[in-house]
Amino acid sequence: MRIQLPFIILITLISMSAMQSVDPENPELNNSVLMFYLASLIFLPLYAGATIAYLESVVSNAPISTTAALKIGLQRWGSLFITKLLGAFAIAIGLLLFFIPGVFVLIRLGFAEYHSIIERSAPADALKNSWQDTSDYFWPLLNGLAFLFVVLLGGNLLIETLLQAMGIDSLIIRALFDIVFGFLNCLYTIYGFRLYCVMREKQSG
């Protein structure tokens, strides 16, 4: 929580500023919106990498500090950024091919970020190793991640509907919920990491 929360709060504040600065009658990109996208691109690989490094240290019975986790995230930022970028490009192509191929690629690349941070693999190797390692874990990954997606998206939409029904249109309240759901998104990383550990234990055994 100490790793992700500061970044999630910062990104949410930037997002609020961006949304306030957008003219509904002329919704073109402005500096605030560009700042939001830039912040997301910069901070996501950093705190995702730090989170994975921390999870690995806990599993190894040698928990590291938040500072040490962030240091690892910073050291591996470039490699993880390129890994995610290449993965996103492959997924986008798959989604354009009638959607299902994109979901298939998304799941098969589900271990790439763990290879990038834990095994310190180069981007191409992280993607290749993920493709190989997820062959036996496709359905557990798909089912678990789909379940989390439905629960989190459903919860978000339910709260949005309730706020509208009660006539609440406070940016502060919406920002608080954005922070909560932004933090809950780390469940995707935790679930994927758990399956990655199962795969690794099976291979080493």
C-alpha atoms as a PDB file:
ATOM      1  CA  MET A   1       0.000   0.000   0.000  1.00  0.00           C
ATOM      2  CA  ARG A   2       2.852   2.374   0.848  1.00  0.00           C
ATOM      3  CA  ILE A   3       4.325   1.731  -2.599  1.00  0.00           C
ATOM      4  CA  GLN A   4       1.284   2.279  -4.801  1.00  0.00           C
ATOM      5  CA  LEU A   5      -0.791   4.816  -2.895  1.00  0.00           C
ATOM      6  CA  PRO A   6       1.371   7.957  -3.341  1.00  0.00           C
ATOM      7  CA  PHE A   7       1.541   7.393  -7.114  1.00  0.00           C
ATOM      8  CA  ILE A   8      -2.172   6.609  -7.397  1.00  0.00           C
ATOM      9  CA  ILE A   9      -3.050   9.778  -5.485  1.00  0.00           C
ATOM     10  CA  LEU A  10      -0.741  11.868  -7.679  1.00  0.00           C
ATOM     11  CA  ILE A  11      -2.157  10.396 -10.912  1.00  0.00           C
ATOM     12  CA  THR A  12      -5.713  10.936  -9.628  1.00  0.00           C
ATOM     13  CA  LEU A  13      -4.991  14.587  -8.823  1.00  0.00           C
ATOM     14  CA  ILE A  14      -3.515  15.096 -12.290  1.00  0.00           C
ATOM     15  CA  SER A  15      -6.576  13.364 -13.779  1.00  0.00           C
ATOM     16  CA  MET A  16      -8.915  15.705 -11.845  1.00  0.00           C
ATOM     17  CA  SER A  17      -7.009  18.708 -13.117  1.00  0.00           C
ATOM     18  CA  ALA A  18      -7.154  17.364 -16.666  1.00  0.00           C
ATOM     19  CA  MET A  19     -10.907  16.722 -16.545  1.00  0.00           C
ATOM     20  CA  GLN A  20     -11.618  20.184 -15.137  1.00  0.00           C
ATOM     21  CA  SER A  21      -9.604  21.832 -17.888  1.00  0.00           C
ATOM     22  CA  VAL A  22     -11.392  20.050 -20.752  1.00  0.00           C
ATOM     23  CA  ASP A  23     -13.983  22.147 -22.565  1.00  0.00           C
ATOM     24  CA  PRO A  24     -17.033  19.893 -23.305  1.00  0.00           C
ATOM     25  CA  GLU A  25     -17.713  21.877 -26.478  1.00  0.00           C
ATOM     26  CA  ASN A  26     -14.128  21.564 -27.626  1.00  0.00           C
ATOM     27  CA  PRO A  27     -12.750  18.353 -26.066  1.00  0.00           C
ATOM     28  CA  GLU A  28      -9.322  18.469 -27.656  1.00  0.00           C
ATOM     29  CA  LEU A  29      -6.139  17.418 -25.918  1.00  0.00           C
ATOM     30  CA  ASN A  30      -4.596  20.115 -23.758  1.00  0.00           C
ATOM     31  CA  ASN A  31      -1.518  20.296 -21.571  1.00  0.00           C
ATOM     32  CA  SER A  32      -3.283  18.863 -18.496  1.00  0.00           C
ATOM     33  CA  VAL A  33      -4.564  15.828 -20.391  1.00  0.00           C
ATOM     34  CA  LEU A  34      -1.140  15.235 -21.901  1.00  0.00           C
ATOM     35  CA  MET A  35       0.352  15.564 -18.403  1.00  0.00           C
ATOM     36  CA  PHE A  36      -2.027  12.861 -17.159  1.00  0.00           C
ATOM     37  CA  TYR A  37      -1.022  10.419 -19.910  1.00  0.00           C
ATOM     38  CA  LEU A  38       2.645  11.218 -19.398  1.00  0.00           C
ATOM     39  CA  ALA A  39       2.393  10.694 -15.633  1.00  0.00           C
ATOM     40  CA  SER A  40       0.644   7.358 -16.164  1.00  0.00           C
ATOM     41  CA  LEU A  41       3.337   6.206 -18.600  1.00  0.00           C
ATOM     42  CA  ILE A  42       6.120   7.226 -16.224  1.00  0.00           C
ATOM     43  CA  PHE A  43       4.737   6.077 -12.883  1.00  0.00           C
ATOM     44  CA  LEU A  44       2.952   2.832 -13.804  1.00  0.00           C
ATOM     45  CA  PRO A  45       6.107   0.817 -14.635  1.00  0.00           C
ATOM     46  CA  LEU A  46       7.809   2.305 -11.571  1.00  0.00           C
ATOM     47  CA  TYR A  47       5.292   1.318  -8.930  1.00  0.00           C
ATOM     48  CA  ALA A  48       4.336  -1.908 -10.721  1.00  0.00           C
ATOM     49  CA  GLY A  49       7.969  -2.970 -10.710  1.00  0.00           C
ATOM     50  CA  ALA A  50       8.397  -1.934  -7.077  1.00  0.00           C
ATOM     51  CA  THR A  51       5.280  -3.898  -6.107  1.00  0.00           C
ATOM     52  CA  ILE A  52       6.548  -7.043  -7.821  1.00  0.00           C
ATOM     53  CA  ALA A  53       9.965  -6.655  -6.182  1.00  0.00           C
ATOM     54  CA  TYR A  54       8.311  -6.327  -2.773  1.00  0.00           C
ATOM     55  CA  LEU A  55       6.045  -9.355  -3.340  1.00  0.00           C
ATOM     56  CA  GLU A  56       9.068 -11.423  -4.359  1.00  0.00           C
ATOM     57  CA  SER A  57      10.948 -10.381  -1.220  1.00  0.00           C
ATOM     58  CA  VAL A  58       8.004 -11.421   0.979  1.00  0.00           C
ATOM     59  CA  VAL A  59       7.769 -14.824  -0.720  1.00  0.00           C
ATOM     60  CA  SER A  60      11.523 -15.230  -0.189  1.00  0.00           C
ATOM     61  CA  ASN A  61      11.066 -14.488   3.554  1.00  0.00           C
ATOM     62  CA  ALA A  62      13.259 -11.399   3.279  1.00  0.00           C
ATOM     63  CA  PRO A  63      10.868  -8.406   3.067  1.00  0.00           C
ATOM     64  CA  ILE A  64      12.476  -5.258   1.756  1.00  0.00           C
ATOM     65  CA  SER A  65      11.617  -1.671   2.578  1.00  0.00           C
ATOM     66  CA  THR A  66       9.479   0.602   0.430  1.00  0.00           C
ATOM     67  CA  THR A  67      12.592   2.570  -0.514  1.00  0.00           C
ATOM     68  CA  ALA A  68      14.441  -0.569  -1.586  1.00  0.00           C
ATOM     69  CA  ALA A  69      11.438  -1.734  -3.627  1.00  0.00           C
ATOM     70  CA  LEU A  70      11.183   1.632  -5.372  1.00  0.00           C
ATOM     71  CA  LYS A  71      14.913   1.534  -6.083  1.00  0.00           C
ATOM     72  CA  ILE A  72      14.479  -1.796  -7.875  1.00  0.00           C
ATOM     73  CA  GLY A  73      11.458  -0.418  -9.717  1.00  0.00           C
ATOM     74  CA  LEU A  74      13.526   2.566 -10.841  1.00  0.00           C
ATOM     75  CA  GLN A  75      16.452   0.380 -11.933  1.00  0.00           C
ATOM     76  CA  ARG A  76      14.166  -1.821 -14.016  1.00  0.00           C
ATOM     77  CA  TRP A  77      11.890   1.002 -15.204  1.00  0.00           C
ATOM     78  CA  GLY A  78      13.231   1.136 -18.765  1.00  0.00           C
ATOM     79  CA  SER A  79      13.099  -2.609 -19.317  1.00  0.00           C
ATOM     80  CA  LEU A  80       9.594  -2.933 -17.844  1.00  0.00           C
ATOM     81  CA  PHE A  81       8.367   0.092 -19.795  1.00  0.00           C
ATOM     82  CA  ILE A  82       9.534  -1.411 -23.102  1.00  0.00           C
ATOM     83  CA  THR A  83       8.137  -4.818 -22.106  1.00  0.00           C
ATOM     84  CA  LYS A  84       4.718  -3.301 -21.389  1.00  0.00           C
ATOM     85  CA  LEU A  85       4.872  -1.175 -24.540  1.00  0.00           C
ATOM     86  CA  LEU A  86       5.664  -4.130 -26.799  1.00  0.00           C
ATOM     87  CA  GLY A  87       3.038  -6.228 -25.029  1.00  0.00           C
ATOM     88  CA  ALA A  88       0.412  -3.516 -25.408  1.00  0.00           C
ATOM     89  CA  PHE A  89       1.215  -3.227 -29.115  1.00  0.00           C
ATOM     90  CA  ALA A  90       0.777  -6.988 -29.600  1.00  0.00           C
ATOM     91  CA  ILE A  91      -2.465  -6.986 -27.606  1.00  0.00           C
ATOM     92  CA  ALA A  92      -3.823  -4.037 -29.595  1.00  0.00           C
ATOM     93  CA  ILE A  93      -3.171  -5.854 -32.865  1.00  0.00           C
ATOM     94  CA  GLY A  94      -4.940  -8.911 -31.473  1.00  0.00           C
ATOM     95  CA  LEU A  95      -7.937  -6.849 -30.362  1.00  0.00           C
ATOM     96  CA  LEU A  96      -8.258  -5.447 -33.868  1.00  0.00           C
ATOM     97  CA  LEU A  97      -8.460  -9.028 -35.146  1.00  0.00           C
ATOM     98  CA  PHE A  98     -11.978  -9.659 -33.799  1.00  0.00           C
ATOM     99  CA  PHE A  99     -11.089  -9.127 -30.103  1.00  0.00           C
ATOM    100  CA  ILE A 100     -10.533 -12.754 -29.022  1.00  0.00           C
ATOM    101  CA  PRO A 101      -6.922 -12.942 -30.301  1.00  0.00           C
ATOM    102  CA  GLY A 102      -6.184  -9.841 -28.226  1.00  0.00           C
ATOM    103  CA  VAL A 103      -7.473 -11.509 -25.057  1.00  0.00           C
ATOM    104  CA  PHE A 104      -5.412 -14.608 -25.878  1.00  0.00           C
ATOM    105  CA  VAL A 105      -2.240 -12.522 -26.289  1.00  0.00           C
ATOM    106  CA  LEU A 106      -3.026 -10.576 -23.094  1.00  0.00           C
ATOM    107  CA  ILE A 107      -3.158 -13.777 -21.053  1.00  0.00           C
ATOM    108  CA  ARG A 108      -0.115 -15.394 -22.688  1.00  0.00           C
ATOM    109  CA  LEU A 109       1.954 -12.288 -21.872  1.00  0.00           C
ATOM    110  CA  GLY A 110       0.668 -12.244 -18.298  1.00  0.00           C
ATOM    111  CA  PHE A 111       3.996 -13.307 -16.754  1.00  0.00           C
ATOM    112  CA  ALA A 112       6.151 -10.876 -18.741  1.00  0.00           C
ATOM    113  CA  GLU A 113       6.407  -8.207 -16.045  1.00  0.00           C
ATOM    114  CA  TYR A 114       7.454 -10.802 -13.445  1.00  0.00           C
ATOM    115  CA  HIS A 115      10.202 -12.076 -15.728  1.00  0.00           C
ATOM    116  CA  SER A 116      11.299  -8.485 -16.320  1.00  0.00           C
ATOM    117  CA  ILE A 117      11.601  -7.617 -12.622  1.00  0.00           C
ATOM    118  CA  ILE A 118      12.376 -10.912 -10.874  1.00  0.00           C
ATOM    119  CA  GLU A 119      14.477 -12.639 -13.534  1.00  0.00           C
ATOM    120  CA  ARG A 120      15.789  -9.314 -14.848  1.00  0.00           C
ATOM    121  CA  SER A 121      15.008 -10.461 -18.394  1.00  0.00           C
ATOM    122  CA  ALA A 122      15.332  -8.182 -21.402  1.00  0.00           C
ATOM    123  CA  PRO A 123      11.972  -7.102 -22.911  1.00  0.00           C
ATOM    124  CA  ALA A 124      12.022  -9.594 -25.784  1.00  0.00           C
ATOM    125  CA  ASP A 125      13.073 -12.434 -23.459  1.00  0.00           C
ATOM    126  CA  ALA A 126      10.420 -11.496 -20.891  1.00  0.00           C
ATOM    127  CA  LEU A 127       7.702 -11.677 -23.537  1.00  0.00           C
ATOM    128  CA  LYS A 128       9.034 -14.927 -25.001  1.00  0.00           C
ATOM    129  CA  ASN A 129       9.397 -16.587 -21.594  1.00  0.00           C
ATOM    130  CA  SER A 130       5.917 -15.481 -20.586  1.00  0.00           C
ATOM    131  CA  TRP A 131       4.474 -16.962 -23.762  1.00  0.00           C
ATOM    132  CA  GLN A 132       6.136 -20.285 -22.963  1.00  0.00           C
ATOM    133  CA  ASP A 133       5.360 -20.342 -19.238  1.00  0.00           C
ATOM    134  CA  THR A 134       1.667 -19.459 -19.491  1.00  0.00           C
ATOM    135  CA  SER A 135       0.815 -22.374 -21.784  1.00  0.00           C
ATOM    136  CA  ASP A 136      -0.283 -24.499 -18.807  1.00  0.00           C
ATOM    137  CA  TYR A 137      -1.808 -21.589 -16.882  1.00  0.00           C
ATOM    138  CA  PHE A 138      -3.946 -19.958 -19.553  1.00  0.00           C
ATOM    139  CA  TRP A 139      -7.319 -20.845 -18.052  1.00  0.00           C
ATOM    140  CA  PRO A 140      -6.432 -20.096 -14.399  1.00  0.00           C
ATOM    141  CA  LEU A 141      -5.074 -16.714 -15.514  1.00  0.00           C
ATOM    142  CA  LEU A 142      -8.061 -15.965 -17.731  1.00  0.00           C
ATOM    143  CA  ASN A 143     -10.657 -17.020 -15.156  1.00  0.00           C
ATOM    144  CA  GLY A 144      -9.026 -15.204 -12.260  1.00  0.00           C
ATOM    145  CA  LEU A 145      -8.301 -11.976 -14.111  1.00  0.00           C
ATOM    146  CA  ALA A 146     -11.767 -11.980 -15.712  1.00  0.00           C
ATOM    147  CA  PHE A 147     -13.352 -12.441 -12.282  1.00  0.00           C
ATOM    148  CA  LEU A 148     -11.380  -9.523 -10.854  1.00  0.00           C
ATOM    149  CA  PHE A 149     -12.247  -7.394 -13.885  1.00  0.00           C
ATOM    150  CA  VAL A 150     -15.984  -8.056 -13.524  1.00  0.00           C
ATOM    151  CA  VAL A 151     -15.957  -7.420  -9.758  1.00  0.00           C
ATOM    152  CA  LEU A 152     -13.934  -4.201  -9.936  1.00  0.00           C
ATOM    153  CA  LEU A 153     -15.710  -2.824 -12.991  1.00  0.00           C
ATOM    154  CA  GLY A 154     -19.100  -3.795 -11.574  1.00  0.00           C
ATOM    155  CA  GLY A 155     -18.297  -2.159  -8.248  1.00  0.00           C
ATOM    156  CA  ASN A 156     -17.114   0.992  -9.989  1.00  0.00           C
ATOM    157  CA  LEU A 157     -20.243   1.212 -12.149  1.00  0.00           C
ATOM    158  CA  LEU A 158     -22.491   0.510  -9.151  1.00  0.00           C
ATOM    159  CA  ILE A 159     -20.951   3.324  -7.130  1.00  0.00           C
ATOM    160  CA  GLU A 160     -21.156   5.656 -10.141  1.00  0.00           C
ATOM    161  CA  THR A 161     -24.858   4.821 -10.529  1.00  0.00           C
ATOM    162  CA  LEU A 162     -25.522   5.368  -6.814  1.00  0.00           C
ATOM    163  CA  LEU A 163     -23.742   8.736  -6.861  1.00  0.00           C
ATOM    164  CA  GLN A 164     -25.812   9.840  -9.847  1.00  0.00           C
ATOM    165  CA  ALA A 165     -29.042   8.618  -8.224  1.00  0.00           C
ATOM    166  CA  MET A 166     -28.252  10.601  -5.074  1.00  0.00           C
ATOM    167  CA  GLY A 167     -27.352  13.669  -7.112  1.00  0.00           C
ATOM    168  CA  ILE A 168     -23.783  13.709  -5.833  1.00  0.00           C
ATOM    169  CA  ASP A 169     -21.401  15.312  -8.290  1.00  0.00           C
ATOM    170  CA  SER A 170     -18.426  16.070  -6.062  1.00  0.00           C
ATOM    171  CA  LEU A 171     -15.006  15.811  -7.647  1.00  0.00           C
ATOM    172  CA  ILE A 172     -13.488  15.070  -4.241  1.00  0.00           C
ATOM    173  CA  ILE A 173     -15.768  12.067  -3.628  1.00  0.00           C
ATOM    174  CA  ARG A 174     -15.163  10.779  -7.148  1.00  0.00           C
ATOM    175  CA  ALA A 175     -11.429  11.221  -6.652  1.00  0.00           C
ATOM    176  CA  LEU A 176     -11.564   9.211  -3.415  1.00  0.00           C
ATOM    177  CA  PHE A 177     -13.309   6.343  -5.189  1.00  0.00           C
ATOM    178  CA  ASP A 178     -10.818   6.583  -8.073  1.00  0.00           C
ATOM    179  CA  ILE A 179      -7.995   6.223  -5.545  1.00  0.00           C
ATOM    180  CA  VAL A 180      -9.661   3.211  -3.902  1.00  0.00           C
ATOM    181  CA  PHE A 181     -10.267   1.417  -7.195  1.00  0.00           C
ATOM    182  CA  GLY A 182      -6.846   2.432  -8.474  1.00  0.00           C
ATOM    183  CA  PHE A 183      -5.338   0.749  -5.447  1.00  0.00           C
ATOM    184  CA  LEU A 184      -7.550  -2.331  -5.856  1.00  0.00           C
ATOM    185  CA  ASN A 185      -6.139  -2.741  -9.361  1.00  0.00           C
ATOM    186  CA  CYS A 186      -3.016  -4.133  -7.698  1.00  0.00           C
ATOM    187  CA  LEU A 187      -5.082  -7.307  -7.160  1.00  0.00           C
ATOM    188  CA  TYR A 188      -4.368  -8.133 -10.811  1.00  0.00           C
ATOM    189  CA  THR A 189      -0.632  -8.024 -10.062  1.00  0.00           C
ATOM    190  CA  ILE A 190      -0.990 -10.055  -6.869  1.00  0.00           C
ATOM    191  CA  TYR A 191      -3.075 -12.767  -8.541  1.00  0.00           C
ATOM    192  CA  GLY A 192      -0.726 -13.015 -11.514  1.00  0.00           C
ATOM    193  CA  PHE A 193       2.261 -13.156  -9.174  1.00  0.00           C
ATOM    194  CA  ARG A 194       0.707 -16.006  -7.215  1.00  0.00           C
ATOM    195  CA  LEU A 195       0.283 -18.082 -10.382  1.00  0.00           C
ATOM    196  CA  TYR A 196       3.801 -17.130 -11.465  1.00  0.00           C
ATOM    197  CA  CYS A 197       5.091 -18.531  -8.161  1.00  0.00           C
ATOM    198  CA  VAL A 198       3.126 -21.745  -8.673  1.00  0.00           C
ATOM    199  CA  MET A 199       4.605 -22.086 -12.162  1.00  0.00           C
ATOM    200  CA  ARG A 200       8.119 -21.418 -10.880  1.00  0.00           C
ATOM    201  CA  GLU A 201       7.814 -23.920  -8.044  1.00  0.00           C
ATOM    202  CA  LYS A 202       6.557 -26.563 -10.480  1.00  0.00           C
ATOM    203  CA  GLN A 203       9.457 -25.951 -12.853  1.00  0.00           C
ATOM    204  CA  SER A 204      12.068 -26.046 -10.067  1.00  0.00           C
ATOM    205  CA  GLY A 205      10.499 -29.156  -8.530  1.00  0.00           C
END
